[in-house]
Amino acid sequence: MAKDWKERLGTVYSTNPNFQFETNKQEENETLPPKQQKLYVSLDKRNRGGKAVTLIEGFVGKEDDLQTLGKKLKTKCGVGGSVKDNEILIQGDFREKIIQLLVADGYQVKRKGG
């Protein structure tokens, strides 16, 4: 409670005894188990200087769990990549390998495009 005073700036005092201050913080979704996840794997070359990246979309869950999955895929493929905007980007064309890894972990995977 000590740090949320900045979020309350500009709030007018209320005499309502049942008043609850609401913040605009977005609640993180609970991470669905792998068999309930529907992930889409595609190859993307747009806005990347002609370099291809394997894009994994559709993950539903906490940012930490997405980061963990991204790190695992990067390690298994032996390449770099990033996790942002609820997407995992893996440098290079590793669609087949990533689909095999995700299916082995119990995810529902669909190939998107190409």
PDB file of N, CA and C in Angstrom:
ATOM      1  N   MET A   1       0.822  -1.193   0.000  1.00  0.00           N
ATOM      2  CA  MET A   1       0.000   0.000   0.000  1.00  0.00           C
ATOM      3  C   MET A   1       0.859   1.247   0.000  1.00  0.00           C
ATOM      4  N   ALA A   2       2.066   1.152   0.476  1.00  0.00           N
ATOM      5  CA  ALA A   2       2.920   2.329   0.588  1.00  0.00           C
ATOM      6  C   ALA A   2       3.300   2.898  -0.770  1.00  0.00           C
ATOM      7  N   LYS A   3       3.433   2.054  -1.788  1.00  0.00           N
ATOM      8  CA  LYS A   3       3.889   2.521  -3.088  1.00  0.00           C
ATOM      9  C   LYS A   3       2.753   2.929  -4.025  1.00  0.00           C
ATOM     10  N   ASP A   4       1.514   2.637  -3.666  1.00  0.00           N
ATOM     11  CA  ASP A   4       0.431   2.921  -4.612  1.00  0.00           C
ATOM     12  C   ASP A   4      -0.135   4.328  -4.496  1.00  0.00           C
ATOM     13  N   TRP A   5       0.457   5.182  -3.689  1.00  0.00           N
ATOM     14  CA  TRP A   5      -0.054   6.541  -3.553  1.00  0.00           C
ATOM     15  C   TRP A   5       0.038   7.319  -4.855  1.00  0.00           C
ATOM     16  N   LYS A   6       1.041   7.010  -5.690  1.00  0.00           N
ATOM     17  CA  LYS A   6       1.180   7.715  -6.971  1.00  0.00           C
ATOM     18  C   LYS A   6       0.021   7.387  -7.897  1.00  0.00           C
ATOM     19  N   GLU A   7      -0.501   6.166  -7.798  1.00  0.00           N
ATOM     20  CA  GLU A   7      -1.632   5.768  -8.626  1.00  0.00           C
ATOM     21  C   GLU A   7      -2.902   6.499  -8.209  1.00  0.00           C
ATOM     22  N   ARG A   8      -2.928   6.973  -6.980  1.00  0.00           N
ATOM     23  CA  ARG A   8      -4.118   7.632  -6.460  1.00  0.00           C
ATOM     24  C   ARG A   8      -4.099   9.152  -6.637  1.00  0.00           C
ATOM     25  N   LEU A   9      -3.029   9.702  -7.216  1.00  0.00           N
ATOM     26  CA  LEU A   9      -2.980  11.151  -7.431  1.00  0.00           C
ATOM     27  C   LEU A   9      -4.150  11.571  -8.306  1.00  0.00           C
ATOM     28  N   GLY A  10      -4.784  12.652  -7.949  1.00  0.00           N
ATOM     29  CA  GLY A  10      -5.919  13.142  -8.711  1.00  0.00           C
ATOM     30  C   GLY A  10      -7.229  12.498  -8.310  1.00  0.00           C
ATOM     31  N   THR A  11      -7.224  11.607  -7.320  1.00  0.00           N
ATOM     32  CA  THR A  11      -8.444  10.973  -6.851  1.00  0.00           C
ATOM     33  C   THR A  11      -9.092  11.859  -5.796  1.00  0.00           C
ATOM     34  N   VAL A  12     -10.368  12.036  -5.918  1.00  0.00           N
ATOM     35  CA  VAL A  12     -11.116  12.853  -4.963  1.00  0.00           C
ATOM     36  C   VAL A  12     -11.523  11.983  -3.790  1.00  0.00           C
ATOM     37  N   TYR A  13     -11.514  12.563  -2.601  1.00  0.00           N
ATOM     38  CA  TYR A  13     -11.885  11.844  -1.380  1.00  0.00           C
ATOM     39  C   TYR A  13     -13.343  11.416  -1.447  1.00  0.00           C
ATOM     40  N   SER A  14     -13.628  10.197  -0.998  1.00  0.00           N
ATOM     41  CA  SER A  14     -14.988   9.686  -0.992  1.00  0.00           C
ATOM     42  C   SER A  14     -15.443   9.433   0.440  1.00  0.00           C
ATOM     43  N   THR A  15     -16.689   9.790   0.728  1.00  0.00           N
ATOM     44  CA  THR A  15     -17.243   9.525   2.059  1.00  0.00           C
ATOM     45  C   THR A  15     -17.985   8.190   2.102  1.00  0.00           C
ATOM     46  N   ASN A  16     -18.046   7.507   0.979  1.00  0.00           N
ATOM     47  CA  ASN A  16     -18.712   6.206   0.919  1.00  0.00           C
ATOM     48  C   ASN A  16     -17.879   5.184   1.691  1.00  0.00           C
ATOM     49  N   PRO A  17     -18.430   4.564   2.740  1.00  0.00           N
ATOM     50  CA  PRO A  17     -17.631   3.609   3.522  1.00  0.00           C
ATOM     51  C   PRO A  17     -17.290   2.335   2.746  1.00  0.00           C
ATOM     52  N   ASN A  18     -17.993   2.050   1.665  1.00  0.00           N
ATOM     53  CA  ASN A  18     -17.730   0.851   0.868  1.00  0.00           C
ATOM     54  C   ASN A  18     -16.892   1.135  -0.379  1.00  0.00           C
ATOM     55  N   PHE A  19     -16.308   2.325  -0.454  1.00  0.00           N
ATOM     56  CA  PHE A  19     -15.536   2.718  -1.629  1.00  0.00           C
ATOM     57  C   PHE A  19     -14.278   1.856  -1.758  1.00  0.00           C
ATOM     58  N   GLN A  20     -14.046   1.329  -2.955  1.00  0.00           N
ATOM     59  CA  GLN A  20     -12.825   0.574  -3.249  1.00  0.00           C
ATOM     60  C   GLN A  20     -12.111   1.272  -4.394  1.00  0.00           C
ATOM     61  N   PHE A  21     -10.881   1.665  -4.160  1.00  0.00           N
ATOM     62  CA  PHE A  21     -10.103   2.304  -5.218  1.00  0.00           C
ATOM     63  C   PHE A  21      -9.721   1.245  -6.242  1.00  0.00           C
ATOM     64  N   GLU A  22      -9.954   1.545  -7.529  1.00  0.00           N
ATOM     65  CA  GLU A  22      -9.634   0.602  -8.591  1.00  0.00           C
ATOM     66  C   GLU A  22      -8.442   1.116  -9.377  1.00  0.00           C
ATOM     67  N   THR A  23      -7.466   0.273  -9.560  1.00  0.00           N
ATOM     68  CA  THR A  23      -6.313   0.653 -10.370  1.00  0.00           C
ATOM     69  C   THR A  23      -6.520   0.121 -11.780  1.00  0.00           C
ATOM     70  N   ASN A  24      -5.741   0.639 -12.699  1.00  0.00           N
ATOM     71  CA  ASN A  24      -5.843   0.197 -14.086  1.00  0.00           C
ATOM     72  C   ASN A  24      -4.861  -0.925 -14.386  1.00  0.00           C
ATOM     73  N   LYS A  25      -4.354  -1.570 -13.346  1.00  0.00           N
ATOM     74  CA  LYS A  25      -3.418  -2.664 -13.555  1.00  0.00           C
ATOM     75  C   LYS A  25      -4.143  -3.822 -14.218  1.00  0.00           C
ATOM     76  N   GLN A  26      -3.472  -4.389 -15.202  1.00  0.00           N
ATOM     77  CA  GLN A  26      -4.053  -5.509 -15.923  1.00  0.00           C
ATOM     78  C   GLN A  26      -3.683  -6.794 -15.183  1.00  0.00           C
ATOM     79  N   GLU A  27      -4.678  -7.575 -14.873  1.00  0.00           N
ATOM     80  CA  GLU A  27      -4.434  -8.838 -14.191  1.00  0.00           C
ATOM     81  C   GLU A  27      -3.852  -9.822 -15.190  1.00  0.00           C
ATOM     82  N   GLU A  28      -2.814 -10.539 -14.762  1.00  0.00           N
ATOM     83  CA  GLU A  28      -2.239 -11.548 -15.641  1.00  0.00           C
ATOM     84  C   GLU A  28      -3.127 -12.779 -15.655  1.00  0.00           C
ATOM     85  N   ASN A  29      -3.276 -13.339 -16.828  1.00  0.00           N
ATOM     86  CA  ASN A  29      -4.053 -14.571 -16.955  1.00  0.00           C
ATOM     87  C   ASN A  29      -3.303 -15.713 -16.309  1.00  0.00           C
ATOM     88  N   GLU A  30      -4.049 -16.645 -15.742  1.00  0.00           N
ATOM     89  CA  GLU A  30      -3.428 -17.865 -15.251  1.00  0.00           C
ATOM     90  C   GLU A  30      -2.942 -18.644 -16.467  1.00  0.00           C
ATOM     91  N   THR A  31      -1.808 -19.282 -16.334  1.00  0.00           N
ATOM     92  CA  THR A  31      -1.263 -20.057 -17.438  1.00  0.00           C
ATOM     93  C   THR A  31      -2.059 -21.349 -17.605  1.00  0.00           C
ATOM     94  N   LEU A  32      -2.553 -21.547 -18.806  1.00  0.00           N
ATOM     95  CA  LEU A  32      -3.299 -22.770 -19.111  1.00  0.00           C
ATOM     96  C   LEU A  32      -2.327 -23.937 -19.221  1.00  0.00           C
ATOM     97  N   PRO A  33      -2.770 -25.149 -18.873  1.00  0.00           N
ATOM     98  CA  PRO A  33      -1.901 -26.315 -19.066  1.00  0.00           C
ATOM     99  C   PRO A  33      -1.610 -26.512 -20.558  1.00  0.00           C
ATOM    100  N   PRO A  34      -0.469 -27.125 -20.882  1.00  0.00           N
ATOM    101  CA  PRO A  34      -0.089 -27.276 -22.294  1.00  0.00           C
ATOM    102  C   PRO A  34      -1.169 -27.867 -23.186  1.00  0.00           C
ATOM    103  N   LYS A  35      -1.910 -28.874 -22.711  1.00  0.00           N
ATOM    104  CA  LYS A  35      -2.897 -29.499 -23.598  1.00  0.00           C
ATOM    105  C   LYS A  35      -4.069 -28.581 -23.918  1.00  0.00           C
ATOM    106  N   GLN A  36      -4.237 -27.479 -23.166  1.00  0.00           N
ATOM    107  CA  GLN A  36      -5.299 -26.508 -23.461  1.00  0.00           C
ATOM    108  C   GLN A  36      -4.793 -25.315 -24.274  1.00  0.00           C
ATOM    109  N   GLN A  37      -3.493 -25.264 -24.513  1.00  0.00           N
ATOM    110  CA  GLN A  37      -2.895 -24.165 -25.280  1.00  0.00           C
ATOM    111  C   GLN A  37      -2.961 -24.475 -26.768  1.00  0.00           C
ATOM    112  N   LYS A  38      -3.286 -23.472 -27.564  1.00  0.00           N
ATOM    113  CA  LYS A  38      -3.260 -23.610 -29.019  1.00  0.00           C
ATOM    114  C   LYS A  38      -2.235 -22.616 -29.537  1.00  0.00           C
ATOM    115  N   LEU A  39      -1.075 -23.126 -29.908  1.00  0.00           N
ATOM    116  CA  LEU A  39       0.009 -22.275 -30.372  1.00  0.00           C
ATOM    117  C   LEU A  39       0.111 -22.321 -31.888  1.00  0.00           C
ATOM    118  N   TYR A  40       0.485 -21.205 -32.470  1.00  0.00           N
ATOM    119  CA  TYR A  40       0.630 -21.090 -33.918  1.00  0.00           C
ATOM    120  C   TYR A  40       2.086 -20.789 -34.235  1.00  0.00           C
ATOM    121  N   VAL A  41       2.688 -21.602 -35.094  1.00  0.00           N
ATOM    122  CA  VAL A  41       4.088 -21.446 -35.466  1.00  0.00           C
ATOM    123  C   VAL A  41       4.141 -21.000 -36.920  1.00  0.00           C
ATOM    124  N   SER A  42       4.883 -19.918 -37.180  1.00  0.00           N
ATOM    125  CA  SER A  42       4.991 -19.411 -38.551  1.00  0.00           C
ATOM    126  C   SER A  42       6.383 -18.833 -38.783  1.00  0.00           C
ATOM    127  N   LEU A  43       6.694 -18.602 -40.044  1.00  0.00           N
ATOM    128  CA  LEU A  43       7.948 -17.975 -40.442  1.00  0.00           C
ATOM    129  C   LEU A  43       7.635 -16.528 -40.790  1.00  0.00           C
ATOM    130  N   ASP A  44       8.417 -15.609 -40.236  1.00  0.00           N
ATOM    131  CA  ASP A  44       8.156 -14.191 -40.455  1.00  0.00           C
ATOM    132  C   ASP A  44       9.432 -13.512 -40.941  1.00  0.00           C
ATOM    133  N   LYS A  45       9.309 -12.739 -42.022  1.00  0.00           N
ATOM    134  CA  LYS A  45      10.461 -12.011 -42.564  1.00  0.00           C
ATOM    135  C   LYS A  45      10.203 -10.507 -42.607  1.00  0.00           C
ATOM    136  N   ARG A  46       9.008 -10.090 -42.205  1.00  0.00           N
ATOM    137  CA  ARG A  46       8.647  -8.683 -42.304  1.00  0.00           C
ATOM    138  C   ARG A  46       9.400  -7.841 -41.279  1.00  0.00           C
ATOM    139  N   ASN A  47       9.852  -6.680 -41.693  1.00  0.00           N
ATOM    140  CA  ASN A  47      10.506  -5.696 -40.830  1.00  0.00           C
ATOM    141  C   ASN A  47      11.687  -6.275 -40.059  1.00  0.00           C
ATOM    142  N   ARG A  48      12.411  -7.199 -40.676  1.00  0.00           N
ATOM    143  CA  ARG A  48      13.536  -7.820 -39.979  1.00  0.00           C
ATOM    144  C   ARG A  48      14.806  -7.784 -40.833  1.00  0.00           C
ATOM    145  N   GLY A  49      14.861  -6.859 -41.752  1.00  0.00           N
ATOM    146  CA  GLY A  49      16.049  -6.725 -42.583  1.00  0.00           C
ATOM    147  C   GLY A  49      16.312  -7.938 -43.460  1.00  0.00           C
ATOM    148  N   GLY A  50      15.267  -8.647 -43.875  1.00  0.00           N
ATOM    149  CA  GLY A  50      15.414  -9.801 -44.735  1.00  0.00           C
ATOM    150  C   GLY A  50      15.740 -11.092 -44.000  1.00  0.00           C
ATOM    151  N   LYS A  51      15.928 -10.999 -42.690  1.00  0.00           N
ATOM    152  CA  LYS A  51      16.233 -12.204 -41.908  1.00  0.00           C
ATOM    153  C   LYS A  51      14.945 -12.862 -41.443  1.00  0.00           C
ATOM    154  N   ALA A  52      14.953 -14.186 -41.473  1.00  0.00           N
ATOM    155  CA  ALA A  52      13.765 -14.947 -41.086  1.00  0.00           C
ATOM    156  C   ALA A  52      13.790 -15.254 -39.593  1.00  0.00           C
ATOM    157  N   VAL A  53      12.618 -15.204 -38.991  1.00  0.00           N
ATOM    158  CA  VAL A  53      12.460 -15.636 -37.600  1.00  0.00           C
ATOM    159  C   VAL A  53      11.266 -16.576 -37.531  1.00  0.00           C
ATOM    160  N   THR A  54      11.349 -17.533 -36.624  1.00  0.00           N
ATOM    161  CA  THR A  54      10.228 -18.411 -36.363  1.00  0.00           C
ATOM    162  C   THR A  54       9.409 -17.749 -35.271  1.00  0.00           C
ATOM    163  N   LEU A  55       8.126 -17.585 -35.516  1.00  0.00           N
ATOM    164  CA  LEU A  55       7.238 -16.855 -34.619  1.00  0.00           C
ATOM    165  C   LEU A  55       6.251 -17.826 -33.984  1.00  0.00           C
ATOM    166  N   ILE A  56       6.170 -17.790 -32.645  1.00  0.00           N
ATOM    167  CA  ILE A  56       5.219 -18.638 -31.925  1.00  0.00           C
ATOM    168  C   ILE A  56       4.211 -17.715 -31.257  1.00  0.00           C
ATOM    169  N   GLU A  57       2.934 -17.861 -31.613  1.00  0.00           N
ATOM    170  CA  GLU A  57       1.879 -17.000 -31.089  1.00  0.00           C
ATOM    171  C   GLU A  57       0.795 -17.836 -30.423  1.00  0.00           C
ATOM    172  N   GLY A  58      -0.050 -17.169 -29.636  1.00  0.00           N
ATOM    173  CA  GLY A  58      -1.222 -17.820 -29.079  1.00  0.00           C
ATOM    174  C   GLY A  58      -1.074 -18.293 -27.648  1.00  0.00           C
ATOM    175  N   PHE A  59       0.056 -18.016 -27.001  1.00  0.00           N
ATOM    176  CA  PHE A  59       0.269 -18.472 -25.623  1.00  0.00           C
ATOM    177  C   PHE A  59      -0.657 -17.708 -24.684  1.00  0.00           C
ATOM    178  N   VAL A  60      -1.338 -18.431 -23.799  1.00  0.00           N
ATOM    179  CA  VAL A  60      -2.219 -17.808 -22.815  1.00  0.00           C
ATOM    180  C   VAL A  60      -1.621 -18.091 -21.444  1.00  0.00           C
ATOM    181  N   GLY A  61      -1.193 -17.038 -20.761  1.00  0.00           N
ATOM    182  CA  GLY A  61      -0.641 -17.252 -19.432  1.00  0.00           C
ATOM    183  C   GLY A  61       0.222 -16.114 -18.956  1.00  0.00           C
ATOM    184  N   LYS A  62       0.940 -16.390 -17.902  1.00  0.00           N
ATOM    185  CA  LYS A  62       1.786 -15.389 -17.264  1.00  0.00           C
ATOM    186  C   LYS A  62       3.037 -15.123 -18.086  1.00  0.00           C
ATOM    187  N   GLU A  63       3.517 -13.895 -17.986  1.00  0.00           N
ATOM    188  CA  GLU A  63       4.714 -13.479 -18.709  1.00  0.00           C
ATOM    189  C   GLU A  63       5.920 -14.347 -18.335  1.00  0.00           C
ATOM    190  N   ASP A  64       6.035 -14.701 -17.060  1.00  0.00           N
ATOM    191  CA  ASP A  64       7.170 -15.526 -16.618  1.00  0.00           C
ATOM    192  C   ASP A  64       7.162 -16.896 -17.284  1.00  0.00           C
ATOM    193  N   ASP A  65       5.979 -17.482 -17.417  1.00  0.00           N
ATOM    194  CA  ASP A  65       5.874 -18.800 -18.054  1.00  0.00           C
ATOM    195  C   ASP A  65       6.206 -18.715 -19.543  1.00  0.00           C
ATOM    196  N   LEU A  66       5.807 -17.616 -20.175  1.00  0.00           N
ATOM    197  CA  LEU A  66       6.128 -17.398 -21.588  1.00  0.00           C
ATOM    198  C   LEU A  66       7.641 -17.236 -21.752  1.00  0.00           C
ATOM    199  N   GLN A  67       8.265 -16.486 -20.840  1.00  0.00           N
ATOM    200  CA  GLN A  67       9.722 -16.298 -20.874  1.00  0.00           C
ATOM    201  C   GLN A  67      10.437 -17.645 -20.730  1.00  0.00           C
ATOM    202  N   THR A  68       9.934 -18.478 -19.819  1.00  0.00           N
ATOM    203  CA  THR A  68      10.537 -19.797 -19.589  1.00  0.00           C
ATOM    204  C   THR A  68      10.449 -20.669 -20.838  1.00  0.00           C
ATOM    205  N   LEU A  69       9.269 -20.676 -21.479  1.00  0.00           N
ATOM    206  CA  LEU A  69       9.092 -21.454 -22.705  1.00  0.00           C
ATOM    207  C   LEU A  69      10.005 -20.921 -23.806  1.00  0.00           C
ATOM    208  N   GLY A  70      10.086 -19.600 -23.932  1.00  0.00           N
ATOM    209  CA  GLY A  70      10.957 -18.987 -24.936  1.00  0.00           C
ATOM    210  C   GLY A  70      12.411 -19.367 -24.729  1.00  0.00           C
ATOM    211  N   LYS A  71      12.861 -19.337 -23.474  1.00  0.00           N
ATOM    212  CA  LYS A  71      14.243 -19.689 -23.165  1.00  0.00           C
ATOM    213  C   LYS A  71      14.521 -21.151 -23.509  1.00  0.00           C
ATOM    214  N   LYS A  72      13.564 -22.017 -23.195  1.00  0.00           N
ATOM    215  CA  LYS A  72      13.726 -23.449 -23.486  1.00  0.00           C
ATOM    216  C   LYS A  72      13.861 -23.673 -24.994  1.00  0.00           C
ATOM    217  N   LEU A  73      12.998 -23.016 -25.791  1.00  0.00           N
ATOM    218  CA  LEU A  73      13.043 -23.191 -27.243  1.00  0.00           C
ATOM    219  C   LEU A  73      14.341 -22.640 -27.822  1.00  0.00           C
ATOM    220  N   LYS A  74      14.797 -21.493 -27.327  1.00  0.00           N
ATOM    221  CA  LYS A  74      16.053 -20.920 -27.817  1.00  0.00           C
ATOM    222  C   LYS A  74      17.221 -21.845 -27.509  1.00  0.00           C
ATOM    223  N   THR A  75      17.216 -22.422 -26.311  1.00  0.00           N
ATOM    224  CA  THR A  75      18.286 -23.337 -25.907  1.00  0.00           C
ATOM    225  C   THR A  75      18.289 -24.588 -26.767  1.00  0.00           C
ATOM    226  N   LYS A  76      17.092 -25.182 -26.983  1.00  0.00           N
ATOM    227  CA  LYS A  76      16.988 -26.418 -27.769  1.00  0.00           C
ATOM    228  C   LYS A  76      17.403 -26.202 -29.223  1.00  0.00           C
ATOM    229  N   CYS A  77      17.132 -24.992 -29.754  1.00  0.00           N
ATOM    230  CA  CYS A  77      17.487 -24.702 -31.145  1.00  0.00           C
ATOM    231  C   CYS A  77      18.917 -24.168 -31.268  1.00  0.00           C
ATOM    232  N   GLY A  78      19.505 -23.760 -30.144  1.00  0.00           N
ATOM    233  CA  GLY A  78      20.874 -23.267 -30.153  1.00  0.00           C
ATOM    234  C   GLY A  78      21.026 -21.911 -30.816  1.00  0.00           C
ATOM    235  N   VAL A  79      19.974 -21.104 -30.748  1.00  0.00           N
ATOM    236  CA  VAL A  79      20.014 -19.779 -31.373  1.00  0.00           C
ATOM    237  C   VAL A  79      19.442 -18.735 -30.416  1.00  0.00           C
ATOM    238  N   GLY A  80      19.528 -17.491 -30.835  1.00  0.00           N
ATOM    239  CA  GLY A  80      18.961 -16.403 -30.045  1.00  0.00           C
ATOM    240  C   GLY A  80      17.516 -16.163 -30.399  1.00  0.00           C
ATOM    241  N   GLY A  81      16.950 -15.194 -29.724  1.00  0.00           N
ATOM    242  CA  GLY A  81      15.564 -14.837 -29.966  1.00  0.00           C
ATOM    243  C   GLY A  81      15.086 -13.923 -28.862  1.00  0.00           C
ATOM    244  N   SER A  82      13.801 -13.663 -28.844  1.00  0.00           N
ATOM    245  CA  SER A  82      13.256 -12.792 -27.811  1.00  0.00           C
ATOM    246  C   SER A  82      11.807 -13.166 -27.538  1.00  0.00           C
ATOM    247  N   VAL A  83      11.324 -12.638 -26.423  1.00  0.00           N
ATOM    248  CA  VAL A  83       9.933 -12.835 -26.039  1.00  0.00           C
ATOM    249  C   VAL A  83       9.357 -11.459 -25.763  1.00  0.00           C
ATOM    250  N   LYS A  84       8.336 -11.072 -26.543  1.00  0.00           N
ATOM    251  CA  LYS A  84       7.682  -9.786 -26.297  1.00  0.00           C
ATOM    252  C   LYS A  84       6.305  -9.787 -26.946  1.00  0.00           C
ATOM    253  N   ASP A  85       5.425  -8.988 -26.401  1.00  0.00           N
ATOM    254  CA  ASP A  85       4.061  -8.853 -26.924  1.00  0.00           C
ATOM    255  C   ASP A  85       3.350 -10.200 -27.060  1.00  0.00           C
ATOM    256  N   ASN A  86       3.529 -11.076 -26.072  1.00  0.00           N
ATOM    257  CA  ASN A  86       2.911 -12.407 -26.063  1.00  0.00           C
ATOM    258  C   ASN A  86       3.321 -13.267 -27.256  1.00  0.00           C
ATOM    259  N   GLU A  87       4.510 -13.026 -27.794  1.00  0.00           N
ATOM    260  CA  GLU A  87       5.041 -13.816 -28.900  1.00  0.00           C
ATOM    261  C   GLU A  87       6.459 -14.243 -28.568  1.00  0.00           C
ATOM    262  N   ILE A  88       6.838 -15.391 -29.100  1.00  0.00           N
ATOM    263  CA  ILE A  88       8.216 -15.857 -28.980  1.00  0.00           C
ATOM    264  C   ILE A  88       8.830 -15.777 -30.369  1.00  0.00           C
ATOM    265  N   LEU A  89       9.978 -15.128 -30.480  1.00  0.00           N
ATOM    266  CA  LEU A  89      10.697 -15.013 -31.743  1.00  0.00           C
ATOM    267  C   LEU A  89      11.982 -15.815 -31.627  1.00  0.00           C
ATOM    268  N   ILE A  90      12.197 -16.744 -32.551  1.00  0.00           N
ATOM    269  CA  ILE A  90      13.412 -17.561 -32.592  1.00  0.00           C
ATOM    270  C   ILE A  90      14.125 -17.231 -33.901  1.00  0.00           C
ATOM    271  N   GLN A  91      15.386 -16.862 -33.817  1.00  0.00           N
ATOM    272  CA  GLN A  91      16.126 -16.486 -35.019  1.00  0.00           C
ATOM    273  C   GLN A  91      16.320 -17.686 -35.926  1.00  0.00           C
ATOM    274  N   GLY A  92      15.950 -17.524 -37.189  1.00  0.00           N
ATOM    275  CA  GLY A  92      16.111 -18.587 -38.176  1.00  0.00           C
ATOM    276  C   GLY A  92      14.819 -19.363 -38.400  1.00  0.00           C
ATOM    277  N   ASP A  93      14.878 -20.280 -39.367  1.00  0.00           N
ATOM    278  CA  ASP A  93      13.710 -21.097 -39.704  1.00  0.00           C
ATOM    279  C   ASP A  93      13.801 -22.431 -38.967  1.00  0.00           C
ATOM    280  N   PHE A  94      13.154 -22.517 -37.815  1.00  0.00           N
ATOM    281  CA  PHE A  94      13.152 -23.727 -36.999  1.00  0.00           C
ATOM    282  C   PHE A  94      11.731 -24.232 -36.793  1.00  0.00           C
ATOM    283  N   ARG A  95      10.856 -23.990 -37.765  1.00  0.00           N
ATOM    284  CA  ARG A  95       9.442 -24.356 -37.600  1.00  0.00           C
ATOM    285  C   ARG A  95       9.257 -25.829 -37.247  1.00  0.00           C
ATOM    286  N   GLU A  96       9.860 -26.717 -38.028  1.00  0.00           N
ATOM    287  CA  GLU A  96       9.661 -28.157 -37.808  1.00  0.00           C
ATOM    288  C   GLU A  96      10.169 -28.592 -36.439  1.00  0.00           C
ATOM    289  N   LYS A  97      11.353 -28.146 -36.072  1.00  0.00           N
ATOM    290  CA  LYS A  97      11.938 -28.537 -34.791  1.00  0.00           C
ATOM    291  C   LYS A  97      11.093 -28.009 -33.630  1.00  0.00           C
ATOM    292  N   ILE A  98      10.639 -26.762 -33.738  1.00  0.00           N
ATOM    293  CA  ILE A  98       9.843 -26.153 -32.671  1.00  0.00           C
ATOM    294  C   ILE A  98       8.486 -26.857 -32.554  1.00  0.00           C
ATOM    295  N   ILE A  99       7.875 -27.194 -33.676  1.00  0.00           N
ATOM    296  CA  ILE A  99       6.602 -27.917 -33.639  1.00  0.00           C
ATOM    297  C   ILE A  99       6.791 -29.255 -32.930  1.00  0.00           C
ATOM    298  N   GLN A 100       7.865 -29.967 -33.242  1.00  0.00           N
ATOM    299  CA  GLN A 100       8.137 -31.253 -32.587  1.00  0.00           C
ATOM    300  C   GLN A 100       8.344 -31.074 -31.085  1.00  0.00           C
ATOM    301  N   LEU A 101       9.098 -30.038 -30.691  1.00  0.00           N
ATOM    302  CA  LEU A 101       9.360 -29.801 -29.270  1.00  0.00           C
ATOM    303  C   LEU A 101       8.069 -29.463 -28.521  1.00  0.00           C
ATOM    304  N   LEU A 102       7.241 -28.616 -29.114  1.00  0.00           N
ATOM    305  CA  LEU A 102       5.996 -28.206 -28.463  1.00  0.00           C
ATOM    306  C   LEU A 102       5.013 -29.370 -28.349  1.00  0.00           C
ATOM    307  N   VAL A 103       4.901 -30.174 -29.412  1.00  0.00           N
ATOM    308  CA  VAL A 103       4.010 -31.331 -29.381  1.00  0.00           C
ATOM    309  C   VAL A 103       4.493 -32.322 -28.314  1.00  0.00           C
ATOM    310  N   ALA A 104       5.802 -32.504 -28.204  1.00  0.00           N
ATOM    311  CA  ALA A 104       6.358 -33.411 -27.195  1.00  0.00           C
ATOM    312  C   ALA A 104       6.029 -32.923 -25.777  1.00  0.00           C
ATOM    313  N   ASP A 105       5.902 -31.613 -25.600  1.00  0.00           N
ATOM    314  CA  ASP A 105       5.542 -31.046 -24.293  1.00  0.00           C
ATOM    315  C   ASP A 105       4.035 -31.040 -24.054  1.00  0.00           C
ATOM    316  N   GLY A 106       3.244 -31.492 -25.045  1.00  0.00           N
ATOM    317  CA  GLY A 106       1.811 -31.601 -24.869  1.00  0.00           C
ATOM    318  C   GLY A 106       1.005 -30.430 -25.401  1.00  0.00           C
ATOM    319  N   TYR A 107       1.634 -29.477 -26.092  1.00  0.00           N
ATOM    320  CA  TYR A 107       0.912 -28.328 -26.644  1.00  0.00           C
ATOM    321  C   TYR A 107       0.177 -28.727 -27.923  1.00  0.00           C
ATOM    322  N   GLN A 108      -0.930 -28.049 -28.188  1.00  0.00           N
ATOM    323  CA  GLN A 108      -1.610 -28.177 -29.479  1.00  0.00           C
ATOM    324  C   GLN A 108      -0.970 -27.148 -30.396  1.00  0.00           C
ATOM    325  N   VAL A 109      -0.424 -27.601 -31.507  1.00  0.00           N
ATOM    326  CA  VAL A 109       0.330 -26.700 -32.377  1.00  0.00           C
ATOM    327  C   VAL A 109      -0.232 -26.746 -33.781  1.00  0.00           C
ATOM    328  N   LYS A 110      -0.368 -25.580 -34.381  1.00  0.00           N
ATOM    329  CA  LYS A 110      -0.786 -25.474 -35.780  1.00  0.00           C
ATOM    330  C   LYS A 110       0.265 -24.656 -36.517  1.00  0.00           C
ATOM    331  N   ARG A 111       0.526 -25.084 -37.727  1.00  0.00           N
ATOM    332  CA  ARG A 111       1.443 -24.341 -38.586  1.00  0.00           C
ATOM    333  C   ARG A 111       0.637 -23.246 -39.272  1.00  0.00           C
ATOM    334  N   LYS A 112       1.120 -22.040 -39.214  1.00  0.00           N
ATOM    335  CA  LYS A 112       0.391 -20.912 -39.765  1.00  0.00           C
ATOM    336  C   LYS A 112       1.155 -20.389 -40.967  1.00  0.00           C
ATOM    337  N   GLY A 113       0.503 -20.274 -42.096  1.00  0.00           N
ATOM    338  CA  GLY A 113       1.162 -19.772 -43.300  1.00  0.00           C
ATOM    339  C   GLY A 113       2.176 -20.773 -43.838  1.00  0.00           C
ATOM    340  N   GLY A 114       2.783 -20.443 -44.990  1.00  0.00           N
ATOM    341  CA  GLY A 114       3.843 -21.210 -45.643  1.00  0.00           C
ATOM    342  C   GLY A 114       3.923 -22.594 -45.286  1.00  0.00           C
TER     343      GLY A 114
END
